[in-house]
């Protein structure tokens, strides 16, 4: 009959329901639960439960605790929650730090988060100088074309980065914009090693950018902080000063989030 599920569809739905019931059960208690406890409480056959637990652990939604032989929620759950919040927990911790960054550098700066294939400005402070770069709340840009975007890309989990690279389409925004996957991969490797990302007129002619990622305890990029510098003022000394200031800024925000 129309609307009835096939046995295969019923099995898929049943597996999904079991996975959600399991995550909700462990989340409610906020403590490790053993294989036997889960099977008894949720009524899942132990053989089926073994495979379900293995899958969820491999995907990071559960973590196995050898000391108690139990399972607890994994980092992937927290990661999804942060995406749902859209970086809202980072903004209050970063706003006064952004003001300090601009005070120290006299340049515009911003807090950026990932929105699909783009980075988005969620907080910013404008330089007091006459020659400056305006960054506005809600501004978006391709991740590959800005320092803040590259700082986010470089620390994505391998699977997410792989998906991004398979989908990205490069636009020649300026003459200096990256145009190939290989060039981007090579640059992201350098960013991972130094925790600093740069652009020089890749998104806006006449503007250089410096950024650092803000990582959570698992190394996932929550956000990035970038500084935008007009080219007439950009030199090695300014670059190095910005890198130092951003290092202190990211450390301060991280401490606030941890506390």
C-alpha atoms as a PDB file:
ATOM      1  CA  UNK A   1       0.000   0.000   0.000  1.00  0.00           C
ATOM      2  CA  UNK A   2       1.045   3.611  -0.564  1.00  0.00           C
ATOM      3  CA  UNK A   3       2.797   5.121   2.438  1.00  0.00           C
ATOM      4  CA  UNK A   4       3.892   1.771   3.912  1.00  0.00           C
ATOM      5  CA  UNK A   5       7.612   1.340   4.517  1.00  0.00           C
ATOM      6  CA  UNK A   6       9.524  -1.550   3.016  1.00  0.00           C
ATOM      7  CA  UNK A   7      11.387  -3.881   5.403  1.00  0.00           C
ATOM      8  CA  UNK A   8      14.639  -2.141   4.430  1.00  0.00           C
ATOM      9  CA  UNK A   9      13.205   1.287   5.204  1.00  0.00           C
ATOM     10  CA  UNK A  10      11.820   0.015   8.498  1.00  0.00           C
ATOM     11  CA  UNK A  11      15.264  -1.318   9.425  1.00  0.00           C
ATOM     12  CA  UNK A  12      16.906   2.032   8.644  1.00  0.00           C
ATOM     13  CA  UNK A  13      14.366   3.900  10.747  1.00  0.00           C
ATOM     14  CA  UNK A  14      14.768   1.411  13.598  1.00  0.00           C
ATOM     15  CA  UNK A  15      18.554   1.825  13.560  1.00  0.00           C
ATOM     16  CA  UNK A  16      18.237   5.607  13.572  1.00  0.00           C
ATOM     17  CA  UNK A  17      15.773   5.465  16.473  1.00  0.00           C
ATOM     18  CA  UNK A  18      18.103   3.221  18.463  1.00  0.00           C
ATOM     19  CA  UNK A  19      21.038   5.552  17.882  1.00  0.00           C
ATOM     20  CA  UNK A  20      19.048   8.592  19.005  1.00  0.00           C
ATOM     21  CA  UNK A  21      17.604   6.757  22.024  1.00  0.00           C
ATOM     22  CA  UNK A  22      21.134   5.742  23.010  1.00  0.00           C
ATOM     23  CA  UNK A  23      22.562   9.267  22.733  1.00  0.00           C
ATOM     24  CA  UNK A  24      19.643  10.758  24.647  1.00  0.00           C
ATOM     25  CA  UNK A  25      19.915   8.089  27.369  1.00  0.00           C
ATOM     26  CA  UNK A  26      23.615   8.705  27.990  1.00  0.00           C
ATOM     27  CA  UNK A  27      23.127  12.471  27.730  1.00  0.00           C
ATOM     28  CA  UNK A  28      20.353  12.440  30.346  1.00  0.00           C
ATOM     29  CA  UNK A  29      22.521  10.770  32.942  1.00  0.00           C
ATOM     30  CA  UNK A  30      25.721  12.662  32.213  1.00  0.00           C
ATOM     31  CA  UNK A  31      27.813   9.658  33.271  1.00  0.00           C
ATOM     32  CA  UNK A  32      29.347   6.575  31.694  1.00  0.00           C
ATOM     33  CA  UNK A  33      27.026   3.656  31.030  1.00  0.00           C
ATOM     34  CA  UNK A  34      28.255   0.123  30.398  1.00  0.00           C
ATOM     35  CA  UNK A  35      27.263  -2.151  27.547  1.00  0.00           C
ATOM     36  CA  UNK A  36      25.049  -4.208  29.878  1.00  0.00           C
ATOM     37  CA  UNK A  37      23.367  -1.171  31.404  1.00  0.00           C
ATOM     38  CA  UNK A  38      22.530   0.257  27.994  1.00  0.00           C
ATOM     39  CA  UNK A  39      21.214  -3.053  26.661  1.00  0.00           C
ATOM     40  CA  UNK A  40      19.000  -3.587  29.694  1.00  0.00           C
ATOM     41  CA  UNK A  41      17.646  -0.039  29.880  1.00  0.00           C
ATOM     42  CA  UNK A  42      16.940   0.383  26.161  1.00  0.00           C
ATOM     43  CA  UNK A  43      16.049  -3.198  25.327  1.00  0.00           C
ATOM     44  CA  UNK A  44      18.583  -3.474  22.514  1.00  0.00           C
ATOM     45  CA  UNK A  45      19.961  -6.971  21.758  1.00  0.00           C
ATOM     46  CA  UNK A  46      23.594  -7.094  22.850  1.00  0.00           C
ATOM     47  CA  UNK A  47      24.842  -8.187  19.427  1.00  0.00           C
ATOM     48  CA  UNK A  48      23.114  -5.231  17.732  1.00  0.00           C
ATOM     49  CA  UNK A  49      24.249  -2.874  20.479  1.00  0.00           C
ATOM     50  CA  UNK A  50      27.889  -3.848  20.012  1.00  0.00           C
ATOM     51  CA  UNK A  51      27.857  -2.728  16.376  1.00  0.00           C
ATOM     52  CA  UNK A  52      25.912   0.441  17.180  1.00  0.00           C
ATOM     53  CA  UNK A  53      28.353   1.431  19.921  1.00  0.00           C
ATOM     54  CA  UNK A  54      31.318   0.718  17.648  1.00  0.00           C
ATOM     55  CA  UNK A  55      29.861   2.941  14.914  1.00  0.00           C
ATOM     56  CA  UNK A  56      29.095   5.820  17.269  1.00  0.00           C
ATOM     57  CA  UNK A  57      32.554   5.641  18.860  1.00  0.00           C
ATOM     58  CA  UNK A  58      34.244   5.613  15.440  1.00  0.00           C
ATOM     59  CA  UNK A  59      32.251   8.696  14.428  1.00  0.00           C
ATOM     60  CA  UNK A  60      33.052  10.520  17.680  1.00  0.00           C
ATOM     61  CA  UNK A  61      29.489  10.637  19.034  1.00  0.00           C
ATOM     62  CA  UNK A  62      30.420   8.346  21.905  1.00  0.00           C
ATOM     63  CA  UNK A  63      33.699   7.762  23.735  1.00  0.00           C
ATOM     64  CA  UNK A  64      34.728   4.560  25.511  1.00  0.00           C
ATOM     65  CA  UNK A  65      36.162   4.967  29.021  1.00  0.00           C
ATOM     66  CA  UNK A  66      38.455   1.992  29.798  1.00  0.00           C
ATOM     67  CA  UNK A  67      38.569   2.695  33.552  1.00  0.00           C
ATOM     68  CA  UNK A  68      34.816   2.169  33.959  1.00  0.00           C
ATOM     69  CA  UNK A  69      34.225   0.081  30.817  1.00  0.00           C
ATOM     70  CA  UNK A  70      31.495   2.564  30.054  1.00  0.00           C
ATOM     71  CA  UNK A  71      30.469   4.940  27.284  1.00  0.00           C
ATOM     72  CA  UNK A  72      29.986   8.717  27.439  1.00  0.00           C
ATOM     73  CA  UNK A  73      29.061  11.383  24.921  1.00  0.00           C
ATOM     74  CA  UNK A  74      31.865  12.166  22.485  1.00  0.00           C
ATOM     75  CA  UNK A  75      33.250  15.379  21.075  1.00  0.00           C
ATOM     76  CA  UNK A  76      31.147  15.187  17.905  1.00  0.00           C
ATOM     77  CA  UNK A  77      28.016  15.892  19.961  1.00  0.00           C
ATOM     78  CA  UNK A  78      29.532  19.064  21.388  1.00  0.00           C
ATOM     79  CA  UNK A  79      30.677  20.059  17.919  1.00  0.00           C
ATOM     80  CA  UNK A  80      27.147  19.817  16.544  1.00  0.00           C
ATOM     81  CA  UNK A  81      25.853  21.852  19.475  1.00  0.00           C
ATOM     82  CA  UNK A  82      28.381  24.593  18.765  1.00  0.00           C
ATOM     83  CA  UNK A  83      27.322  24.715  15.127  1.00  0.00           C
ATOM     84  CA  UNK A  84      23.692  25.044  16.217  1.00  0.00           C
ATOM     85  CA  UNK A  85      24.627  27.999  18.432  1.00  0.00           C
ATOM     86  CA  UNK A  86      26.395  29.625  15.488  1.00  0.00           C
ATOM     87  CA  UNK A  87      29.349  30.754  17.601  1.00  0.00           C
ATOM     88  CA  UNK A  88      27.098  32.628  20.027  1.00  0.00           C
ATOM     89  CA  UNK A  89      29.087  31.414  23.034  1.00  0.00           C
ATOM     90  CA  UNK A  90      32.323  32.797  21.561  1.00  0.00           C
ATOM     91  CA  UNK A  91      31.091  36.324  20.845  1.00  0.00           C
ATOM     92  CA  UNK A  92      30.699  37.516  24.486  1.00  0.00           C
ATOM     93  CA  UNK A  93      34.123  36.105  25.320  1.00  0.00           C
ATOM     94  CA  UNK A  94      35.755  37.844  22.358  1.00  0.00           C
ATOM     95  CA  UNK A  95      34.184  41.301  22.075  1.00  0.00           C
ATOM     96  CA  UNK A  96      36.391  43.108  24.604  1.00  0.00           C
ATOM     97  CA  UNK A  97      39.411  41.208  23.274  1.00  0.00           C
ATOM     98  CA  UNK A  98      38.736  42.561  19.778  1.00  0.00           C
ATOM     99  CA  UNK A  99      38.735  46.083  21.214  1.00  0.00           C
ATOM    100  CA  UNK A 100      42.117  45.349  22.782  1.00  0.00           C
ATOM    101  CA  UNK A 101      43.457  43.995  19.459  1.00  0.00           C
ATOM    102  CA  UNK A 102      42.529  47.223  17.659  1.00  0.00           C
ATOM    103  CA  UNK A 103      43.963  49.291  20.516  1.00  0.00           C
ATOM    104  CA  UNK A 104      47.271  47.439  20.213  1.00  0.00           C
ATOM    105  CA  UNK A 105      47.489  47.449  16.420  1.00  0.00           C
ATOM    106  CA  UNK A 106      45.370  50.458  15.417  1.00  0.00           C
ATOM    107  CA  UNK A 107      43.874  48.237  12.706  1.00  0.00           C
ATOM    108  CA  UNK A 108      40.408  46.817  12.097  1.00  0.00           C
ATOM    109  CA  UNK A 109      39.815  43.303  13.384  1.00  0.00           C
ATOM    110  CA  UNK A 110      37.013  40.749  13.390  1.00  0.00           C
ATOM    111  CA  UNK A 111      35.771  37.469  14.821  1.00  0.00           C
ATOM    112  CA  UNK A 112      34.798  35.022  12.065  1.00  0.00           C
ATOM    113  CA  UNK A 113      32.862  31.754  12.063  1.00  0.00           C
ATOM    114  CA  UNK A 114      32.193  29.240   9.332  1.00  0.00           C
ATOM    115  CA  UNK A 115      28.872  29.440   7.486  1.00  0.00           C
ATOM    116  CA  UNK A 116      28.761  26.662   4.927  1.00  0.00           C
ATOM    117  CA  UNK A 117      31.420  27.389   2.314  1.00  0.00           C
ATOM    118  CA  UNK A 118      32.019  30.919   3.616  1.00  0.00           C
ATOM    119  CA  UNK A 119      33.316  32.737   6.665  1.00  0.00           C
ATOM    120  CA  UNK A 120      31.092  35.292   8.354  1.00  0.00           C
ATOM    121  CA  UNK A 121      31.939  38.266  10.552  1.00  0.00           C
ATOM    122  CA  UNK A 122      30.077  37.938  13.868  1.00  0.00           C
ATOM    123  CA  UNK A 123      31.889  40.695  15.785  1.00  0.00           C
ATOM    124  CA  UNK A 124      34.261  43.465  14.696  1.00  0.00           C
ATOM    125  CA  UNK A 125      36.053  46.638  15.713  1.00  0.00           C
ATOM    126  CA  UNK A 126      37.007  49.381  13.244  1.00  0.00           C
ATOM    127  CA  UNK A 127      40.413  51.057  13.082  1.00  0.00           C
ATOM    128  CA  UNK A 128      40.543  54.679  14.306  1.00  0.00           C
ATOM    129  CA  UNK A 129      42.834  55.606  11.412  1.00  0.00           C
ATOM    130  CA  UNK A 130      41.734  57.506   8.323  1.00  0.00           C
ATOM    131  CA  UNK A 131      43.058  54.851   5.955  1.00  0.00           C
ATOM    132  CA  UNK A 132      41.329  51.660   7.048  1.00  0.00           C
ATOM    133  CA  UNK A 133      39.360  48.597   6.029  1.00  0.00           C
ATOM    134  CA  UNK A 134      35.720  48.343   7.085  1.00  0.00           C
ATOM    135  CA  UNK A 135      34.484  44.943   8.243  1.00  0.00           C
ATOM    136  CA  UNK A 136      30.774  44.802   9.041  1.00  0.00           C
ATOM    137  CA  UNK A 137      28.640  42.361  11.001  1.00  0.00           C
ATOM    138  CA  UNK A 138      27.267  39.721   8.689  1.00  0.00           C
ATOM    139  CA  UNK A 139      29.909  40.177   5.985  1.00  0.00           C
ATOM    140  CA  UNK A 140      30.707  36.878   4.263  1.00  0.00           C
ATOM    141  CA  UNK A 141      33.628  35.793   2.114  1.00  0.00           C
ATOM    142  CA  UNK A 142      34.898  32.564   0.543  1.00  0.00           C
ATOM    143  CA  UNK A 143      36.918  30.597   3.071  1.00  0.00           C
ATOM    144  CA  UNK A 144      39.857  30.266   0.650  1.00  0.00           C
ATOM    145  CA  UNK A 145      40.162  34.028   0.031  1.00  0.00           C
ATOM    146  CA  UNK A 146      40.579  35.550   3.513  1.00  0.00           C
ATOM    147  CA  UNK A 147      43.012  35.048   6.366  1.00  0.00           C
ATOM    148  CA  UNK A 148      40.163  34.324   8.783  1.00  0.00           C
ATOM    149  CA  UNK A 149      38.720  31.773   6.396  1.00  0.00           C
ATOM    150  CA  UNK A 150      42.031  30.003   5.864  1.00  0.00           C
ATOM    151  CA  UNK A 151      42.565  29.833   9.633  1.00  0.00           C
ATOM    152  CA  UNK A 152      39.234  27.998   9.909  1.00  0.00           C
ATOM    153  CA  UNK A 153      39.847  25.695   6.938  1.00  0.00           C
ATOM    154  CA  UNK A 154      43.292  24.602   8.064  1.00  0.00           C
ATOM    155  CA  UNK A 155      41.990  23.036  11.269  1.00  0.00           C
ATOM    156  CA  UNK A 156      38.858  21.333  10.000  1.00  0.00           C
ATOM    157  CA  UNK A 157      38.690  17.576  10.597  1.00  0.00           C
ATOM    158  CA  UNK A 158      40.001  15.640   7.600  1.00  0.00           C
ATOM    159  CA  UNK A 159      36.542  14.487   6.510  1.00  0.00           C
ATOM    160  CA  UNK A 160      35.129  18.021   6.541  1.00  0.00           C
ATOM    161  CA  UNK A 161      38.121  19.415   4.656  1.00  0.00           C
ATOM    162  CA  UNK A 162      37.828  16.626   2.090  1.00  0.00           C
ATOM    163  CA  UNK A 163      34.151  17.489   1.533  1.00  0.00           C
ATOM    164  CA  UNK A 164      34.989  21.177   1.212  1.00  0.00           C
ATOM    165  CA  UNK A 165      37.754  20.591  -1.340  1.00  0.00           C
ATOM    166  CA  UNK A 166      35.446  18.383  -3.402  1.00  0.00           C
ATOM    167  CA  UNK A 167      32.782  21.097  -3.568  1.00  0.00           C
ATOM    168  CA  UNK A 168      34.707  24.365  -3.693  1.00  0.00           C
ATOM    169  CA  UNK A 169      34.658  26.514  -6.817  1.00  0.00           C
ATOM    170  CA  UNK A 170      37.396  29.120  -6.996  1.00  0.00           C
ATOM    171  CA  UNK A 171      36.466  32.590  -8.183  1.00  0.00           C
ATOM    172  CA  UNK A 172      39.154  35.003  -9.420  1.00  0.00           C
ATOM    173  CA  UNK A 173      38.198  37.731  -6.965  1.00  0.00           C
ATOM    174  CA  UNK A 174      41.541  39.496  -7.453  1.00  0.00           C
ATOM    175  CA  UNK A 175      44.692  38.707  -9.406  1.00  0.00           C
ATOM    176  CA  UNK A 176      46.179  37.178  -6.242  1.00  0.00           C
ATOM    177  CA  UNK A 177      43.260  34.910  -5.287  1.00  0.00           C
ATOM    178  CA  UNK A 178      44.036  31.205  -4.940  1.00  0.00           C
ATOM    179  CA  UNK A 179      42.684  29.282  -7.924  1.00  0.00           C
ATOM    180  CA  UNK A 180      43.522  25.604  -7.410  1.00  0.00           C
ATOM    181  CA  UNK A 181      42.954  22.922  -4.815  1.00  0.00           C
ATOM    182  CA  UNK A 182      46.666  22.068  -4.766  1.00  0.00           C
ATOM    183  CA  UNK A 183      47.672  25.642  -4.018  1.00  0.00           C
ATOM    184  CA  UNK A 184      45.131  25.811  -1.215  1.00  0.00           C
ATOM    185  CA  UNK A 185      46.208  22.490   0.305  1.00  0.00           C
ATOM    186  CA  UNK A 186      49.858  23.583   0.265  1.00  0.00           C
ATOM    187  CA  UNK A 187      49.009  26.842   2.024  1.00  0.00           C
ATOM    188  CA  UNK A 188      46.762  25.193   4.606  1.00  0.00           C
ATOM    189  CA  UNK A 189      49.600  22.872   5.573  1.00  0.00           C
ATOM    190  CA  UNK A 190      51.734  25.919   6.363  1.00  0.00           C
ATOM    191  CA  UNK A 191      48.861  27.418   8.381  1.00  0.00           C
ATOM    192  CA  UNK A 192      48.519  24.209  10.418  1.00  0.00           C
ATOM    193  CA  UNK A 193      52.201  24.283  11.269  1.00  0.00           C
ATOM    194  CA  UNK A 194      52.285  27.952  12.327  1.00  0.00           C
ATOM    195  CA  UNK A 195      48.680  28.545  13.465  1.00  0.00           C
ATOM    196  CA  UNK A 196      48.788  31.780  11.460  1.00  0.00           C
ATOM    197  CA  UNK A 197      47.064  32.509   8.143  1.00  0.00           C
ATOM    198  CA  UNK A 198      47.802  35.337   5.729  1.00  0.00           C
ATOM    199  CA  UNK A 199      46.356  36.962   2.642  1.00  0.00           C
ATOM    200  CA  UNK A 200      47.885  39.718   0.570  1.00  0.00           C
ATOM    201  CA  UNK A 201      45.289  41.365  -1.677  1.00  0.00           C
ATOM    202  CA  UNK A 202      43.533  38.029  -2.257  1.00  0.00           C
ATOM    203  CA  UNK A 203      40.055  39.297  -1.372  1.00  0.00           C
ATOM    204  CA  UNK A 204      40.364  43.079  -1.476  1.00  0.00           C
ATOM    205  CA  UNK A 205      42.973  44.990  -3.499  1.00  0.00           C
ATOM    206  CA  UNK A 206      45.161  47.066  -1.220  1.00  0.00           C
ATOM    207  CA  UNK A 207      44.463  44.993   1.921  1.00  0.00           C
ATOM    208  CA  UNK A 208      46.539  42.352   3.695  1.00  0.00           C
ATOM    209  CA  UNK A 209      45.172  40.079   6.397  1.00  0.00           C
ATOM    210  CA  UNK A 210      46.581  38.123   9.333  1.00  0.00           C
ATOM    211  CA  UNK A 211      44.543  35.615  11.355  1.00  0.00           C
ATOM    212  CA  UNK A 212      44.743  32.960  14.028  1.00  0.00           C
ATOM    213  CA  UNK A 213      42.231  30.166  14.739  1.00  0.00           C
ATOM    214  CA  UNK A 214      40.354  29.796  18.006  1.00  0.00           C
ATOM    215  CA  UNK A 215      40.301  26.048  18.698  1.00  0.00           C
ATOM    216  CA  UNK A 216      38.311  23.974  21.168  1.00  0.00           C
ATOM    217  CA  UNK A 217      39.815  21.263  23.357  1.00  0.00           C
ATOM    218  CA  UNK A 218      39.625  18.740  20.510  1.00  0.00           C
ATOM    219  CA  UNK A 219      41.350  21.061  18.020  1.00  0.00           C
ATOM    220  CA  UNK A 220      38.185  21.987  16.123  1.00  0.00           C
ATOM    221  CA  UNK A 221      38.090  25.622  14.887  1.00  0.00           C
ATOM    222  CA  UNK A 222      35.355  27.478  16.769  1.00  0.00           C
ATOM    223  CA  UNK A 223      36.213  30.783  15.130  1.00  0.00           C
ATOM    224  CA  UNK A 224      39.120  32.900  13.930  1.00  0.00           C
ATOM    225  CA  UNK A 225      40.316  36.397  14.728  1.00  0.00           C
ATOM    226  CA  UNK A 226      41.779  38.424  11.880  1.00  0.00           C
ATOM    227  CA  UNK A 227      43.369  41.826  11.423  1.00  0.00           C
ATOM    228  CA  UNK A 228      42.990  43.771   8.146  1.00  0.00           C
ATOM    229  CA  UNK A 229      45.888  46.063   7.218  1.00  0.00           C
ATOM    230  CA  UNK A 230      46.089  48.548   4.311  1.00  0.00           C
ATOM    231  CA  UNK A 231      49.102  47.691   2.124  1.00  0.00           C
ATOM    232  CA  UNK A 232      50.855  51.066   2.618  1.00  0.00           C
ATOM    233  CA  UNK A 233      51.298  50.103   6.307  1.00  0.00           C
ATOM    234  CA  UNK A 234      51.970  46.389   5.836  1.00  0.00           C
ATOM    235  CA  UNK A 235      55.558  45.281   6.393  1.00  0.00           C
ATOM    236  CA  UNK A 236      57.442  42.556   8.279  1.00  0.00           C
ATOM    237  CA  UNK A 237      57.431  44.450  11.577  1.00  0.00           C
ATOM    238  CA  UNK A 238      53.689  45.130  11.403  1.00  0.00           C
ATOM    239  CA  UNK A 239      53.006  41.536  10.413  1.00  0.00           C
ATOM    240  CA  UNK A 240      55.043  40.162  13.315  1.00  0.00           C
ATOM    241  CA  UNK A 241      53.361  42.519  15.771  1.00  0.00           C
ATOM    242  CA  UNK A 242      49.921  41.427  14.575  1.00  0.00           C
ATOM    243  CA  UNK A 243      50.868  37.770  14.942  1.00  0.00           C
ATOM    244  CA  UNK A 244      51.977  38.395  18.527  1.00  0.00           C
ATOM    245  CA  UNK A 245      48.849  40.361  19.431  1.00  0.00           C
ATOM    246  CA  UNK A 246      46.595  37.719  17.887  1.00  0.00           C
ATOM    247  CA  UNK A 247      48.371  35.020  19.875  1.00  0.00           C
ATOM    248  CA  UNK A 248      47.557  36.809  23.131  1.00  0.00           C
ATOM    249  CA  UNK A 249      44.000  37.489  21.956  1.00  0.00           C
ATOM    250  CA  UNK A 250      43.264  33.862  21.113  1.00  0.00           C
ATOM    251  CA  UNK A 251      44.783  32.682  24.397  1.00  0.00           C
ATOM    252  CA  UNK A 252      42.605  35.114  26.360  1.00  0.00           C
ATOM    253  CA  UNK A 253      39.390  34.064  24.627  1.00  0.00           C
ATOM    254  CA  UNK A 254      40.288  30.386  25.104  1.00  0.00           C
ATOM    255  CA  UNK A 255      40.774  30.915  28.842  1.00  0.00           C
ATOM    256  CA  UNK A 256      37.426  32.665  29.111  1.00  0.00           C
ATOM    257  CA  UNK A 257      35.639  29.865  27.316  1.00  0.00           C
ATOM    258  CA  UNK A 258      37.343  27.236  29.469  1.00  0.00           C
ATOM    259  CA  UNK A 259      36.531  29.089  32.683  1.00  0.00           C
END
